C-alpha cells in the first residue's frame, strides 16, 4: 500500500508527462485534463486496493502510461472519433530549448514547419504515430515503450525504424504537392 506522500510524488513526477501524452492523442486541453485526472484516479485506486506482494508493479511509469493509453482508447472507442495530433499553436508543450540527440533524426528530415510534421504524422498508422510520439517527444527508451504497448522491445525498434521511414516518405510527398 502506498502512502499519501508516495502517491503525491508519483503524481508530481508523471502528471505533466501524462497530460502531454494524452493531449497528443486528443488535441483538446479540457479533455486531456479530464482524461489525465481519470488516469491518476484509476491508477491510485488500483494502487490503494493492491496489498503488498499482490500483483506488484515493476515499472510504475509504464503502468501509468499504459493506463492513460487504455483510457484514451476507451474514449475513442466510445465516441468513434479519429485520433488528432497536437496543433501548431500548442507547440509550447514541447520543450524546444533543450533538444535531445533524438531530435537530430527530425533535423535530417529538413522540416520547414511543425504543420508539415503534424500533417505527415496524421497519415501514419496509430501505432507508428504513438511510437514516434513516445520516443521523440516523451524521450522514452524502446524498453519503456515496450512496457507501455505490451510488445517486445525488438518489435518496438523495428516499428520505430519503419515509422521514421514512412514519416520521411510522407514529408517528401507532402512537399511535392
Protein backbone atom coordinates (compact mmCIF):
# COMPACT_ATOMS: atom_id res chain seq x y z
CA UNK A 1 0.00 0.00 0.00
CA UNK A 2 1.26 3.47 -0.86
CA UNK A 3 1.27 6.44 1.50
CA UNK A 4 -0.29 9.77 0.51
CA UNK A 5 3.20 11.23 0.19
CA UNK A 6 4.29 8.45 -2.19
CA UNK A 7 1.17 8.93 -4.31
CA UNK A 8 1.83 12.68 -4.33
CA UNK A 9 5.40 12.08 -5.51
CA UNK A 10 4.19 9.76 -8.27
CA UNK A 11 1.60 12.32 -9.34
CA UNK A 12 4.13 15.18 -9.38
CA UNK A 13 6.61 13.13 -11.40
CA UNK A 14 4.15 11.98 -14.08
CA UNK A 15 1.25 14.43 -14.34
CA UNK A 16 2.82 16.72 -16.97
CA UNK A 17 4.13 13.79 -18.98
CA UNK A 18 0.78 12.01 -18.98
CA UNK A 19 -1.09 15.21 -19.81
CA UNK A 20 1.20 15.81 -22.80
CA UNK A 21 0.86 12.16 -23.88
CA UNK A 22 -2.94 12.35 -23.71
CA UNK A 23 -3.05 15.78 -25.36
CA UNK A 24 -1.08 14.48 -28.35
CA UNK A 25 -3.82 11.93 -28.87
CA UNK A 26 -6.83 14.13 -28.08
CA UNK A 27 -5.95 17.71 -29.16
CA UNK A 28 -8.20 19.28 -26.53
CA UNK A 29 -6.86 20.89 -23.36
CA UNK A 30 -10.03 20.32 -21.36
CA UNK A 31 -10.44 16.73 -22.43
CA UNK A 32 -6.74 15.99 -21.90
CA UNK A 33 -7.05 17.36 -18.36
CA UNK A 34 -10.12 15.21 -17.72
CA UNK A 35 -8.52 12.03 -19.09
CA UNK A 36 -5.29 12.73 -17.20
CA UNK A 37 -7.28 13.10 -13.99
CA UNK A 38 -9.17 9.89 -14.79
CA UNK A 39 -5.86 8.12 -15.39
CA UNK A 40 -4.47 9.08 -11.99
CA UNK A 41 -7.77 8.33 -10.26
CA UNK A 42 -7.81 4.80 -11.68
CA UNK A 43 -4.09 4.23 -11.06
CA UNK A 44 -4.33 5.42 -7.46
CA UNK A 45 -7.49 3.39 -6.83
CA UNK A 46 -5.64 0.33 -8.11
CA UNK A 47 -2.57 1.09 -6.02
CA UNK A 48 -4.65 1.62 -2.88
CA UNK A 49 -6.57 -1.66 -3.44
CA UNK A 50 -3.45 -3.69 -4.10
CA UNK A 51 -1.99 -5.23 -1.00
CA UNK A 52 1.73 -5.69 -0.55
CA UNK A 53 3.05 -8.58 -2.64
CA UNK A 54 -0.14 -8.84 -4.68
CA UNK A 55 0.33 -8.17 -8.40
CA UNK A 56 3.33 -5.95 -7.79
CA UNK A 57 4.06 -3.28 -10.39
CA UNK A 58 7.67 -3.43 -11.54
CA UNK A 59 7.61 -0.17 -13.54
CA UNK A 60 5.19 2.45 -12.26
CA UNK A 61 5.84 4.76 -15.23
CA UNK A 62 4.96 2.09 -17.77
CA UNK A 63 1.90 1.20 -15.71
CA UNK A 64 0.68 4.82 -15.69
CA UNK A 65 1.32 5.29 -19.43
CA UNK A 66 -0.47 2.00 -20.17
CA UNK A 67 -3.41 3.16 -18.08
CA UNK A 68 -3.52 6.51 -19.92
CA UNK A 69 -3.29 4.74 -23.25
CA UNK A 70 -6.19 2.46 -22.30
CA UNK A 71 -8.31 5.39 -21.13
CA UNK A 72 -7.72 7.25 -24.40
CA UNK A 73 -8.52 4.10 -26.38
CA UNK A 74 -11.74 3.67 -24.39
CA UNK A 75 -12.62 7.32 -25.02
CA UNK A 76 -12.27 6.88 -28.78
CA UNK A 77 -13.97 3.53 -28.77
CA UNK A 78 -16.98 5.06 -27.04
CA UNK A 79 -17.13 8.05 -29.35
CA UNK A 80 -15.80 6.52 -32.60
CA UNK A 81 -13.59 9.51 -33.37
CA UNK A 82 -10.27 9.70 -35.19
CA UNK A 83 -7.12 10.48 -33.21
CA UNK A 84 -5.88 14.03 -33.67
CA UNK A 85 -2.39 15.39 -33.08
CA UNK A 86 -1.07 18.47 -31.38
CA UNK A 87 -1.79 21.75 -33.15
CA UNK A 88 0.89 24.27 -34.05
CA UNK A 89 -0.44 26.85 -31.59
CA UNK A 90 0.26 24.42 -28.77
CA UNK A 91 3.89 23.83 -29.70
CA UNK A 92 4.90 25.34 -26.35
CA UNK A 93 4.15 21.96 -24.77
CA UNK A 94 7.30 20.66 -26.42
CA UNK A 95 10.47 21.98 -24.86
CA UNK A 96 12.34 23.35 -27.87
CA UNK A 97 15.03 24.92 -25.67
CA UNK A 98 16.69 21.62 -24.86
CA UNK A 99 16.59 19.38 -27.91
CA UNK A 100 17.72 15.85 -27.31
CA UNK A 101 20.05 13.86 -29.52
CA UNK A 102 16.93 12.22 -30.92
CA UNK A 103 15.82 15.50 -32.47
CA UNK A 104 18.69 15.06 -34.92
CA UNK A 105 16.51 12.49 -36.70
CA UNK A 106 13.88 15.16 -37.28
CA UNK A 107 16.57 17.65 -38.38
CA UNK A 108 17.71 15.15 -41.00
CA UNK A 109 14.23 15.32 -42.43
CA UNK A 110 14.77 19.04 -43.21
CA UNK A 111 11.40 20.12 -41.94
CA UNK A 112 10.31 23.69 -42.56
CA UNK A 113 7.34 23.83 -40.19
CA UNK A 114 5.62 21.99 -37.39
CA UNK A 115 2.49 21.95 -39.52
CA UNK A 116 4.36 19.81 -42.03
CA UNK A 117 5.25 17.30 -39.31
CA UNK A 118 1.71 17.28 -37.95
CA UNK A 119 0.22 16.65 -41.38
CA UNK A 120 2.73 13.90 -42.17
CA UNK A 121 2.21 12.24 -38.78
CA UNK A 122 -1.55 12.32 -39.21
CA UNK A 123 -1.05 10.00 -42.18
CA UNK A 124 0.92 7.45 -40.13
CA UNK A 125 -0.76 4.45 -38.57
CA UNK A 126 -1.91 4.90 -34.98
CA UNK A 127 0.84 2.56 -33.77
CA UNK A 128 3.60 4.35 -35.67
CA UNK A 129 2.34 7.76 -34.54
CA UNK A 130 2.27 6.60 -30.93
CA UNK A 131 5.78 5.11 -31.07
CA UNK A 132 7.23 8.25 -32.67
CA UNK A 133 5.50 10.42 -30.05
CA UNK A 134 6.70 8.34 -27.12
CA UNK A 135 10.26 8.05 -28.43
CA UNK A 136 10.88 11.57 -29.73
CA UNK A 137 8.52 13.78 -27.75
CA UNK A 138 8.42 11.91 -24.44
CA UNK A 139 12.04 10.73 -24.92
CA UNK A 140 11.32 7.21 -23.75
CA UNK A 141 13.53 4.24 -24.47
CA UNK A 142 12.38 1.36 -26.65
CA UNK A 143 12.26 -0.73 -23.48
CA UNK A 144 9.90 1.75 -21.78
CA UNK A 145 7.67 1.89 -24.87
CA UNK A 146 7.70 -1.90 -24.92
CA UNK A 147 6.28 -1.93 -21.38
CA UNK A 148 3.58 0.58 -22.27
CA UNK A 149 2.47 -1.07 -25.50
CA UNK A 150 2.91 -4.65 -24.34
CA UNK A 151 5.13 -5.58 -27.29
CA UNK A 152 8.70 -6.93 -27.33
CA UNK A 153 11.46 -4.32 -27.39
CA UNK A 154 12.73 -5.61 -30.74
CA UNK A 155 9.29 -5.13 -32.24
CA UNK A 156 9.25 -1.55 -30.98
CA UNK A 157 12.69 -0.85 -32.51
CA UNK A 158 11.61 -2.27 -35.87
CA UNK A 159 8.33 -0.31 -35.74
CA UNK A 160 10.22 2.90 -34.89
CA UNK A 161 12.55 2.37 -37.86
CA UNK A 162 9.57 1.74 -40.14
CA UNK A 163 7.69 4.72 -38.73
CA UNK A 164 10.61 7.05 -39.45
CA UNK A 165 10.95 5.65 -42.96
CA UNK A 166 7.21 6.18 -43.50
CA UNK A 167 7.39 9.69 -41.98
CA UNK A 168 10.26 10.65 -44.29
CA UNK A 169 8.24 9.38 -47.25
CA UNK A 170 5.18 11.35 -46.15
CA UNK A 171 7.24 14.50 -45.67
CA UNK A 172 8.78 14.17 -49.12
CA UNK A 173 5.41 13.56 -50.78
CA UNK A 174 3.87 16.42 -48.82
CA UNK A 175 6.48 18.89 -50.03
CA UNK A 176 5.89 17.86 -53.66
CA UNK A 177 2.18 18.67 -53.53
